[in-house]
Protein backbone atom coordinates (compact mmCIF):
# COMPACT_ATOMS: atom_id res chain seq x y z
CA UNK A 1 88.60 -40.44 97.24
CA UNK A 2 87.80 -36.82 98.40
CA UNK A 3 84.85 -36.49 96.01
CA UNK A 4 83.54 -39.87 97.36
CA UNK A 5 83.81 -38.79 100.80
CA UNK A 6 81.97 -35.63 100.10
CA UNK A 7 79.33 -37.38 98.23
CA UNK A 8 78.99 -39.54 101.46
CA UNK A 9 78.54 -36.41 103.71
CA UNK A 10 75.64 -35.13 101.20
CA UNK A 11 74.11 -38.46 101.00
CA UNK A 12 73.97 -38.65 104.98
CA UNK A 13 72.38 -35.09 104.84
CA UNK A 14 70.11 -36.29 101.98
CA UNK A 15 70.47 -33.27 99.76
CA UNK A 16 70.62 -32.35 96.05
CA UNK A 17 73.24 -29.78 95.87
CA UNK A 18 73.78 -26.60 93.69
CA UNK A 19 77.47 -26.37 93.29
CA UNK A 20 79.50 -23.08 93.05
CA UNK A 21 83.21 -22.60 92.99
CA UNK A 22 85.93 -19.83 93.27
CA UNK A 23 89.23 -20.66 91.86
CA UNK A 24 90.85 -23.36 89.72
CA UNK A 25 91.26 -26.11 92.10
CA UNK A 26 87.62 -25.53 93.28
CA UNK A 27 86.39 -25.77 89.74
CA UNK A 28 88.25 -29.18 89.36
CA UNK A 29 86.66 -30.41 92.62
CA UNK A 30 83.35 -29.19 91.56
CA UNK A 31 83.35 -30.70 88.07
CA UNK A 32 84.50 -34.09 89.72
CA UNK A 33 81.42 -33.99 92.15
CA UNK A 34 79.10 -33.00 89.48
CA UNK A 35 80.12 -36.11 87.03
CA UNK A 36 80.65 -38.53 89.82
CA UNK A 37 78.04 -41.20 89.17
CA UNK A 38 77.05 -42.06 92.74
CA UNK A 39 76.47 -38.43 93.17
CA UNK A 40 74.05 -38.23 90.16
CA UNK A 41 72.12 -41.26 91.49
CA UNK A 42 71.89 -39.46 94.99
CA UNK A 43 70.61 -36.20 93.42
CA UNK A 44 67.71 -38.14 91.98
CA UNK A 45 66.30 -39.23 95.22
CA UNK A 46 67.43 -36.60 97.81
CA UNK A 47 64.65 -34.93 99.54
CA UNK A 48 66.23 -31.66 100.60
CA UNK A 49 68.20 -28.82 98.84
CA UNK A 50 71.59 -27.33 99.47
CA UNK A 51 74.26 -25.03 98.12
CA UNK A 52 77.85 -25.92 98.16
CA UNK A 53 80.57 -23.47 97.64
CA UNK A 54 84.20 -24.61 97.10
CA UNK A 55 86.78 -21.84 97.55
CA UNK A 56 90.52 -21.97 97.05
CA UNK A 57 92.72 -20.95 99.89
CA UNK A 58 95.41 -19.81 97.35
CA UNK A 59 93.19 -16.83 96.33
CA UNK A 60 93.56 -15.57 99.70
CA UNK A 61 97.30 -15.88 100.46
CA UNK A 62 98.34 -12.30 99.83
CA UNK A 63 96.06 -10.84 102.36
CA UNK A 64 97.11 -13.31 105.04
CA UNK A 65 100.65 -12.63 104.66
CA UNK A 66 100.30 -9.19 105.92
CA UNK A 67 100.48 -8.34 109.64
CA UNK A 68 97.61 -5.92 109.57
CA UNK A 69 94.72 -8.09 108.90
CA UNK A 70 93.61 -11.55 110.05
CA UNK A 71 91.93 -12.62 106.88
CA UNK A 72 90.62 -11.55 103.41
CA UNK A 73 87.35 -10.41 105.34
CA UNK A 74 89.41 -8.20 107.40
CA UNK A 75 90.97 -6.42 104.38
CA UNK A 76 87.61 -5.96 102.61
CA UNK A 77 86.15 -4.40 105.77
CA UNK A 78 88.94 -1.99 105.83
CA UNK A 79 89.03 -0.95 102.00
CA UNK A 80 85.40 -0.65 101.11
CA UNK A 81 83.46 2.36 102.13
CA UNK A 82 81.24 2.09 105.26
CA UNK A 83 77.41 2.39 105.08
CA UNK A 84 76.48 5.53 106.91
CA UNK A 85 75.35 4.87 110.47
CA UNK A 86 76.74 1.28 110.40
CA UNK A 87 79.68 -0.25 111.87
CA UNK A 88 79.98 -3.57 110.27
CA UNK A 89 78.52 -2.98 107.02
CA UNK A 90 80.39 -1.95 103.85
CA UNK A 91 78.89 -0.59 100.55
CA UNK A 92 79.18 -3.21 97.73
CA UNK A 93 76.87 -3.07 94.57
CA UNK A 94 76.52 -6.82 93.74
CA UNK A 95 73.24 -6.57 91.63
CA UNK A 96 75.21 -7.65 88.67
CA UNK A 97 76.02 -10.78 90.31
CA UNK A 98 72.45 -11.67 91.27
CA UNK A 99 70.45 -11.11 88.18
CA UNK A 100 70.79 -10.73 84.38
CA UNK A 101 68.66 -8.01 82.83
CA UNK A 102 66.66 -8.82 79.83
CA UNK A 103 65.10 -6.48 77.54
CA UNK A 104 61.86 -6.08 79.54
CA UNK A 105 62.50 -8.28 82.61
CA UNK A 106 64.99 -9.43 85.08
CA UNK A 107 65.93 -13.19 84.83
CA UNK A 108 66.58 -14.96 87.94
CA UNK A 109 70.01 -16.58 88.53
CA UNK A 110 70.30 -19.11 91.33
CA UNK A 111 72.59 -17.96 94.30
CA UNK A 112 74.14 -19.97 97.22
CA UNK A 113 71.74 -18.37 99.74
CA UNK A 114 68.61 -19.79 98.02
CA UNK A 115 68.60 -23.06 100.12
CA UNK A 116 68.10 -23.49 103.71
CA UNK A 117 71.59 -25.24 103.88
CA UNK A 118 74.92 -23.64 102.80
CA UNK A 119 78.03 -25.70 102.83
CA UNK A 120 81.40 -23.80 102.48
CA UNK A 121 84.38 -25.84 101.85
CA UNK A 122 87.74 -24.09 101.69
CA UNK A 123 90.29 -26.09 99.87
CA UNK A 124 93.93 -25.49 101.27
CA UNK A 125 92.83 -24.88 104.82
CA UNK A 126 90.88 -22.31 107.03
CA UNK A 127 92.00 -20.64 110.25
CA UNK A 128 89.80 -20.41 113.38
CA UNK A 129 89.64 -16.68 113.12
CA UNK A 130 87.88 -17.07 109.55
CA UNK A 131 85.48 -19.67 110.99
CA UNK A 132 84.45 -17.24 113.55
CA UNK A 133 84.02 -14.45 111.02
CA UNK A 134 81.79 -16.55 108.93
CA UNK A 135 79.66 -17.54 111.88
CA UNK A 136 79.28 -13.91 112.90
CA UNK A 137 78.31 -12.79 109.28
CA UNK A 138 75.86 -15.52 108.90
CA UNK A 139 74.16 -14.96 112.31
CA UNK A 140 73.87 -11.26 111.59
CA UNK A 141 72.91 -11.50 107.77
CA UNK A 142 71.12 -14.82 107.30
CA UNK A 143 69.99 -16.21 110.68
CA UNK A 144 67.64 -18.68 109.10
CA UNK A 145 70.33 -20.54 106.94
CA UNK A 146 72.32 -23.44 108.39
CA UNK A 147 75.89 -23.30 107.30
CA UNK A 148 78.44 -26.02 107.31
CA UNK A 149 82.10 -25.21 107.17
CA UNK A 150 84.65 -27.68 106.09
CA UNK A 151 88.26 -27.52 104.94
CA UNK A 152 91.23 -29.70 104.05
CA UNK A 153 92.93 -28.70 107.27
CA UNK A 154 92.82 -26.21 109.98
CA UNK A 155 95.69 -23.71 109.62
CA UNK A 156 97.35 -21.19 111.99
CA UNK A 157 98.29 -17.60 110.62
CA UNK A 158 101.84 -19.10 110.59
CA UNK A 159 100.88 -21.83 108.15
CA UNK A 160 99.26 -19.48 105.81
CA UNK A 161 102.09 -17.09 105.79
CA UNK A 162 104.75 -19.77 105.21
CA UNK A 163 102.62 -21.21 102.32
CA UNK A 164 102.46 -17.62 100.71
CA UNK A 165 106.21 -17.36 100.67
CA UNK A 166 106.59 -21.00 99.28
CA UNK A 167 107.87 -20.83 95.60
CA UNK A 168 106.28 -24.05 94.68
CA UNK A 169 103.68 -25.99 96.61
CA UNK A 170 103.64 -28.84 94.08
CA UNK A 171 106.42 -31.33 93.38
CA UNK A 172 106.86 -32.75 89.97
CA UNK A 173 108.82 -35.86 89.23
CA UNK A 174 110.91 -36.04 85.92
CA UNK A 175 110.58 -39.28 84.19
């Protein structure tokens, strides 16, 4: 049902997507969308291109449970060294993520920012603070890219803290 609804959104936007994922649940959702037959048919006729990134909320739970930071982005900004003369930038060498070095050339690998539309979907919920952080970062670094942010639900900090202390978010029925 979720993949069908997501496909409906992408059909309405008339886009052929490149799919990226971070985390196990996101991998499952990305795979299901990739093999969904109506999505395959839509991709054949879509006129526009987009990138969609699925992110597992569970990957971020440990940082949200601390009282010092609002989200993972705040923790990254506080841990990584600053770029000299800047207040909002940190030094991260991501060249290894963006290209594969061959013997005599650099082979290009696609990135989520290659298309004018980027869809971020956080599985497990997102806080309003995180939405604001994403908007601020996109406006400063990639103002020409349109970003759509989706999530399974809108969370409060208390929701995230409670779920991080939950010993089991799944229930299993014995037969």
